[in-house]
Every structure is written in structure tokens, then in C-alpha cells.
Amino acid sequence: MAEIIEKVNSLFDGELTDQDKLVYVNTVIKGKLLASAKLRQQASNNSREQFANSPDLKTELMNAIALDAHALMSTQALNSADIQSGIKDILLNNAGLYESLRAQAA
């Protein structure tokens, strides 16, 4: 958890608590991605590397960011390829997105 907080803290600026950032990435965004049947199917049928390179993952990530109520973080994330890449890295390498989607697909 400390590693996730450290990575998320490096992505966002402004008056945001560690909890705001953690909930945004690990609960809100990840939760929206976990709801995607398309991503579940891709996680089930592809390797982690193939899944990470899926254009559908980028599209679903952008949709999850755009639909979220956390306006400050959403705005920063939508306007920064570095933040988008950082969120994807955290979700895939620290928050267990791929594994969770595969487990849901089983």
C-alpha cells in the first residue's frame, strides 16, 4: 500500500490528501475498469504485456477518468500523458487490475 501511495503522490498536484489520491486511483478508477466486460475478457485471454498494450485499456481508462467526480485529479489526468501512464502503471503493477479482471472472468 505504501508503494501505491508513493507512486500516486508523484502524479498529482494541489491540495489533495494521500487518501484522496489513493481512493481515486485504487478504488474509483480501478472500480470502473473492473466493471468493463471487455477488459475482463482481454485479461482472461491475453498475457499481462498484451493487456497493458491494449488500445481498449487506454479507452476504458480515459472513460473512467472522464466520468469521475474527482474534478481536480480528473482534469490533471486528462491533460497529462505522464499521469495517464502513471495511473496505468499503478493499476497494472501495484493495484492488481489485471489479476482482478482475470479472477472476475473465471
N, C-alpha and C. Protein backbone atom coordinates (compact mmCIF):
# COMPACT_ATOMS: atom_id res chain seq x y z
N MET A 1 0.83 -1.19 0.00
CA MET A 1 0.00 0.00 0.00
C MET A 1 0.88 1.26 0.00
N ALA A 2 1.97 1.24 0.76
CA ALA A 2 2.86 2.40 0.81
C ALA A 2 3.45 2.70 -0.56
N GLU A 3 3.76 1.65 -1.33
CA GLU A 3 4.31 1.84 -2.67
C GLU A 3 3.28 2.49 -3.59
N ILE A 4 2.02 2.07 -3.47
CA ILE A 4 0.96 2.69 -4.28
C ILE A 4 0.82 4.16 -3.92
N ILE A 5 0.79 4.49 -2.63
CA ILE A 5 0.64 5.88 -2.19
C ILE A 5 1.80 6.72 -2.72
N GLU A 6 3.01 6.19 -2.63
CA GLU A 6 4.18 6.93 -3.12
C GLU A 6 4.07 7.22 -4.61
N LYS A 7 3.65 6.22 -5.39
CA LYS A 7 3.51 6.41 -6.83
C LYS A 7 2.39 7.40 -7.16
N VAL A 8 1.26 7.27 -6.49
CA VAL A 8 0.13 8.18 -6.73
C VAL A 8 0.50 9.61 -6.34
N ASN A 9 1.22 9.78 -5.24
CA ASN A 9 1.61 11.12 -4.80
C ASN A 9 2.47 11.82 -5.83
N SER A 10 3.24 11.07 -6.60
CA SER A 10 4.10 11.69 -7.60
C SER A 10 3.33 12.13 -8.84
N LEU A 11 2.07 11.74 -8.96
CA LEU A 11 1.29 12.06 -10.14
C LEU A 11 0.50 13.37 -10.05
N PHE A 12 0.00 13.71 -8.88
CA PHE A 12 -0.95 14.81 -8.75
C PHE A 12 -0.40 15.96 -7.91
N ASP A 13 -0.85 17.18 -8.25
CA ASP A 13 -0.50 18.39 -7.51
C ASP A 13 -1.75 18.92 -6.81
N GLY A 14 -1.55 19.91 -5.96
CA GLY A 14 -2.69 20.59 -5.36
C GLY A 14 -2.99 20.09 -3.96
N GLU A 15 -4.04 20.65 -3.41
CA GLU A 15 -4.43 20.34 -2.03
C GLU A 15 -5.26 19.06 -2.00
N LEU A 16 -4.57 17.96 -2.14
CA LEU A 16 -5.20 16.65 -2.13
C LEU A 16 -4.52 15.80 -1.07
N THR A 17 -5.32 15.07 -0.31
CA THR A 17 -4.73 14.20 0.69
C THR A 17 -4.26 12.91 0.04
N ASP A 18 -3.39 12.19 0.74
CA ASP A 18 -2.96 10.88 0.26
C ASP A 18 -4.18 9.99 0.04
N GLN A 19 -5.14 10.09 0.95
CA GLN A 19 -6.35 9.27 0.85
C GLN A 19 -7.16 9.62 -0.40
N ASP A 20 -7.27 10.93 -0.72
CA ASP A 20 -7.96 11.34 -1.94
C ASP A 20 -7.34 10.67 -3.15
N LYS A 21 -6.03 10.74 -3.22
CA LYS A 21 -5.31 10.19 -4.37
C LYS A 21 -5.44 8.68 -4.44
N LEU A 22 -5.30 8.03 -3.30
CA LEU A 22 -5.37 6.58 -3.25
C LEU A 22 -6.76 6.09 -3.64
N VAL A 23 -7.79 6.71 -3.08
CA VAL A 23 -9.17 6.32 -3.40
C VAL A 23 -9.45 6.56 -4.88
N TYR A 24 -8.97 7.67 -5.40
CA TYR A 24 -9.20 8.00 -6.81
C TYR A 24 -8.66 6.90 -7.73
N VAL A 25 -7.42 6.51 -7.54
CA VAL A 25 -6.79 5.53 -8.44
C VAL A 25 -7.20 4.10 -8.10
N ASN A 26 -7.09 3.72 -6.84
CA ASN A 26 -7.23 2.32 -6.46
C ASN A 26 -8.68 1.90 -6.24
N THR A 27 -9.59 2.84 -6.04
CA THR A 27 -10.99 2.49 -5.82
C THR A 27 -11.87 2.97 -6.96
N VAL A 28 -11.83 4.28 -7.24
CA VAL A 28 -12.73 4.84 -8.26
C VAL A 28 -12.36 4.37 -9.65
N ILE A 29 -11.14 4.68 -10.08
CA ILE A 29 -10.73 4.34 -11.45
C ILE A 29 -10.65 2.82 -11.62
N LYS A 30 -10.00 2.15 -10.69
CA LYS A 30 -9.91 0.69 -10.78
C LYS A 30 -11.29 0.06 -10.77
N GLY A 31 -12.19 0.57 -9.93
CA GLY A 31 -13.55 0.03 -9.88
C GLY A 31 -14.28 0.16 -11.20
N LYS A 32 -14.11 1.30 -11.86
CA LYS A 32 -14.74 1.50 -13.17
C LYS A 32 -14.15 0.54 -14.19
N LEU A 33 -12.85 0.31 -14.14
CA LEU A 33 -12.21 -0.60 -15.07
C LEU A 33 -12.61 -2.06 -14.79
N LEU A 34 -12.77 -2.40 -13.53
CA LEU A 34 -13.21 -3.75 -13.18
C LEU A 34 -14.62 -4.05 -13.67
N ALA A 35 -15.41 -3.01 -13.88
CA ALA A 35 -16.78 -3.19 -14.37
C ALA A 35 -16.83 -3.44 -15.87
N SER A 36 -15.72 -3.34 -16.56
CA SER A 36 -15.69 -3.49 -18.01
C SER A 36 -15.61 -4.96 -18.43
N ALA A 37 -16.66 -5.43 -19.05
CA ALA A 37 -16.66 -6.81 -19.57
C ALA A 37 -15.58 -6.99 -20.63
N LYS A 38 -15.35 -5.96 -21.42
CA LYS A 38 -14.33 -6.02 -22.47
C LYS A 38 -12.95 -6.24 -21.86
N LEU A 39 -12.64 -5.50 -20.79
CA LEU A 39 -11.32 -5.66 -20.15
C LEU A 39 -11.20 -7.00 -19.44
N ARG A 40 -12.29 -7.46 -18.83
CA ARG A 40 -12.26 -8.79 -18.20
C ARG A 40 -11.91 -9.86 -19.24
N GLN A 41 -12.56 -9.78 -20.40
CA GLN A 41 -12.31 -10.75 -21.46
C GLN A 41 -10.87 -10.66 -21.94
N GLN A 42 -10.36 -9.46 -22.12
CA GLN A 42 -8.99 -9.30 -22.58
C GLN A 42 -7.98 -9.79 -21.55
N ALA A 43 -8.24 -9.53 -20.28
CA ALA A 43 -7.34 -10.01 -19.22
C ALA A 43 -7.33 -11.53 -19.17
N SER A 44 -8.48 -12.11 -19.43
CA SER A 44 -8.61 -13.57 -19.41
C SER A 44 -7.89 -14.22 -20.58
N ASN A 45 -7.85 -13.53 -21.71
CA ASN A 45 -7.34 -14.15 -22.94
C ASN A 45 -5.96 -13.70 -23.37
N ASN A 46 -5.34 -12.81 -22.61
CA ASN A 46 -4.04 -12.26 -23.03
C ASN A 46 -3.05 -12.27 -21.87
N SER A 47 -1.78 -12.16 -22.22
CA SER A 47 -0.74 -12.00 -21.21
C SER A 47 -0.83 -10.59 -20.61
N ARG A 48 -0.17 -10.37 -19.50
CA ARG A 48 -0.13 -9.04 -18.87
C ARG A 48 0.39 -8.00 -19.86
N GLU A 49 1.46 -8.34 -20.58
CA GLU A 49 2.05 -7.40 -21.53
C GLU A 49 1.08 -7.07 -22.66
N GLN A 50 0.42 -8.09 -23.21
CA GLN A 50 -0.56 -7.84 -24.26
C GLN A 50 -1.70 -6.96 -23.73
N PHE A 51 -2.16 -7.27 -22.53
CA PHE A 51 -3.23 -6.50 -21.91
C PHE A 51 -2.80 -5.05 -21.71
N ALA A 52 -1.59 -4.84 -21.23
CA ALA A 52 -1.08 -3.48 -20.98
C ALA A 52 -1.02 -2.66 -22.26
N ASN A 53 -0.85 -3.30 -23.39
CA ASN A 53 -0.75 -2.60 -24.68
C ASN A 53 -2.08 -2.51 -25.42
N SER A 54 -3.14 -2.95 -24.80
CA SER A 54 -4.46 -2.93 -25.45
C SER A 54 -4.96 -1.50 -25.63
N PRO A 55 -5.37 -1.14 -26.84
CA PRO A 55 -5.97 0.18 -27.03
C PRO A 55 -7.29 0.31 -26.26
N ASP A 56 -7.96 -0.81 -26.01
CA ASP A 56 -9.20 -0.76 -25.23
C ASP A 56 -8.92 -0.36 -23.78
N LEU A 57 -7.76 -0.76 -23.24
CA LEU A 57 -7.41 -0.36 -21.87
C LEU A 57 -7.27 1.16 -21.81
N LYS A 58 -6.60 1.76 -22.79
CA LYS A 58 -6.46 3.22 -22.81
C LYS A 58 -7.83 3.89 -22.93
N THR A 59 -8.68 3.38 -23.80
CA THR A 59 -10.02 3.95 -23.99
C THR A 59 -10.84 3.84 -22.71
N GLU A 60 -10.85 2.67 -22.11
CA GLU A 60 -11.61 2.47 -20.87
C GLU A 60 -11.05 3.33 -19.74
N LEU A 61 -9.72 3.47 -19.68
CA LEU A 61 -9.10 4.33 -18.67
C LEU A 61 -9.54 5.77 -18.86
N MET A 62 -9.52 6.25 -20.10
CA MET A 62 -9.94 7.63 -20.37
C MET A 62 -11.41 7.82 -20.02
N ASN A 63 -12.25 6.84 -20.32
CA ASN A 63 -13.67 6.92 -19.97
C ASN A 63 -13.85 6.96 -18.45
N ALA A 64 -13.09 6.14 -17.73
CA ALA A 64 -13.19 6.12 -16.27
C ALA A 64 -12.76 7.45 -15.68
N ILE A 65 -11.70 8.04 -16.22
CA ILE A 65 -11.22 9.33 -15.74
C ILE A 65 -12.25 10.42 -16.03
N ALA A 66 -12.80 10.42 -17.23
CA ALA A 66 -13.74 11.47 -17.64
C ALA A 66 -15.03 11.43 -16.85
N LEU A 67 -15.46 10.26 -16.42
CA LEU A 67 -16.74 10.12 -15.75
C LEU A 67 -16.68 10.30 -14.24
N ASP A 68 -15.50 10.54 -13.70
CA ASP A 68 -15.34 10.59 -12.25
C ASP A 68 -15.64 11.97 -11.68
N ALA A 69 -16.09 11.99 -10.44
CA ALA A 69 -16.45 13.23 -9.77
C ALA A 69 -15.25 13.97 -9.16
N HIS A 70 -14.11 13.36 -9.15
CA HIS A 70 -12.91 13.99 -8.60
C HIS A 70 -12.34 14.96 -9.64
N ALA A 71 -12.94 16.12 -9.75
CA ALA A 71 -12.66 17.05 -10.86
C ALA A 71 -11.19 17.45 -10.95
N LEU A 72 -10.56 17.80 -9.87
CA LEU A 72 -9.19 18.28 -9.92
C LEU A 72 -8.25 17.19 -10.46
N MET A 73 -8.36 16.00 -9.89
CA MET A 73 -7.50 14.92 -10.36
C MET A 73 -7.88 14.49 -11.76
N SER A 74 -9.16 14.45 -12.06
CA SER A 74 -9.59 14.07 -13.41
C SER A 74 -9.05 15.04 -14.45
N THR A 75 -9.13 16.33 -14.17
CA THR A 75 -8.64 17.33 -15.11
C THR A 75 -7.14 17.16 -15.33
N GLN A 76 -6.40 16.99 -14.24
CA GLN A 76 -4.96 16.79 -14.37
C GLN A 76 -4.65 15.53 -15.17
N ALA A 77 -5.37 14.46 -14.88
CA ALA A 77 -5.12 13.19 -15.56
C ALA A 77 -5.47 13.27 -17.04
N LEU A 78 -6.58 13.92 -17.36
CA LEU A 78 -6.98 14.03 -18.77
C LEU A 78 -6.00 14.86 -19.58
N ASN A 79 -5.32 15.80 -18.93
CA ASN A 79 -4.42 16.71 -19.63
C ASN A 79 -2.96 16.30 -19.57
N SER A 80 -2.66 15.12 -19.04
CA SER A 80 -1.27 14.72 -18.89
C SER A 80 -1.07 13.26 -19.26
N ALA A 81 -0.32 13.03 -20.32
CA ALA A 81 0.03 11.66 -20.71
C ALA A 81 0.87 10.99 -19.62
N ASP A 82 1.68 11.77 -18.90
CA ASP A 82 2.50 11.21 -17.82
C ASP A 82 1.63 10.68 -16.70
N ILE A 83 0.59 11.43 -16.33
CA ILE A 83 -0.31 10.98 -15.27
C ILE A 83 -1.08 9.75 -15.74
N GLN A 84 -1.57 9.76 -16.98
CA GLN A 84 -2.28 8.61 -17.51
C GLN A 84 -1.39 7.37 -17.48
N SER A 85 -0.14 7.53 -17.91
CA SER A 85 0.81 6.43 -17.89
C SER A 85 1.08 5.96 -16.46
N GLY A 86 1.21 6.91 -15.56
CA GLY A 86 1.46 6.58 -14.15
C GLY A 86 0.30 5.83 -13.53
N ILE A 87 -0.94 6.25 -13.85
CA ILE A 87 -2.11 5.56 -13.33
C ILE A 87 -2.15 4.13 -13.86
N LYS A 88 -1.91 3.99 -15.15
CA LYS A 88 -1.91 2.66 -15.76
C LYS A 88 -0.85 1.78 -15.10
N ASP A 89 0.34 2.33 -14.87
CA ASP A 89 1.42 1.58 -14.22
C ASP A 89 1.00 1.13 -12.83
N ILE A 90 0.42 2.02 -12.06
CA ILE A 90 -0.02 1.69 -10.70
C ILE A 90 -1.09 0.59 -10.74
N LEU A 91 -2.07 0.76 -11.63
CA LEU A 91 -3.16 -0.21 -11.71
C LEU A 91 -2.64 -1.59 -12.12
N LEU A 92 -1.70 -1.63 -13.05
CA LEU A 92 -1.19 -2.93 -13.53
C LEU A 92 -0.15 -3.54 -12.60
N ASN A 93 0.73 -2.72 -12.02
CA ASN A 93 1.87 -3.26 -11.28
C ASN A 93 1.74 -3.21 -9.77
N ASN A 94 0.74 -2.48 -9.26
CA ASN A 94 0.62 -2.38 -7.81
C ASN A 94 -0.79 -2.68 -7.30
N ALA A 95 -1.79 -2.36 -8.08
CA ALA A 95 -3.17 -2.46 -7.60
C ALA A 95 -3.89 -3.73 -8.06
N GLY A 96 -3.23 -4.56 -8.86
CA GLY A 96 -3.79 -5.84 -9.23
C GLY A 96 -4.96 -5.80 -10.21
N LEU A 97 -5.03 -4.78 -11.08
CA LEU A 97 -6.13 -4.68 -12.03
C LEU A 97 -6.23 -5.92 -12.91
N TYR A 98 -5.13 -6.30 -13.53
CA TYR A 98 -5.13 -7.44 -14.44
C TYR A 98 -5.59 -8.71 -13.72
N GLU A 99 -5.04 -8.96 -12.56
CA GLU A 99 -5.37 -10.16 -11.81
C GLU A 99 -6.83 -10.15 -11.38
N SER A 100 -7.34 -9.00 -10.96
CA SER A 100 -8.73 -8.88 -10.55
C SER A 100 -9.68 -9.13 -11.71
N LEU A 101 -9.33 -8.58 -12.88
CA LEU A 101 -10.17 -8.80 -14.07
C LEU A 101 -10.16 -10.29 -14.47
N ARG A 102 -9.00 -10.91 -14.42
CA ARG A 102 -8.92 -12.35 -14.75
C ARG A 102 -9.74 -13.17 -13.78
N ALA A 103 -9.67 -12.82 -12.50
CA ALA A 103 -10.43 -13.56 -11.49
C ALA A 103 -11.93 -13.41 -11.70
N GLN A 104 -12.36 -12.21 -12.09
CA GLN A 104 -13.78 -11.98 -12.35
C GLN A 104 -14.25 -12.74 -13.58
N ALA A 105 -13.36 -12.92 -14.56
CA ALA A 105 -13.72 -13.58 -15.81
C ALA A 105 -13.83 -15.09 -15.64
N ALA A 106 -13.19 -15.61 -14.61
CA ALA A 106 -13.16 -17.07 -14.40
C ALA A 106 -14.49 -17.60 -13.93
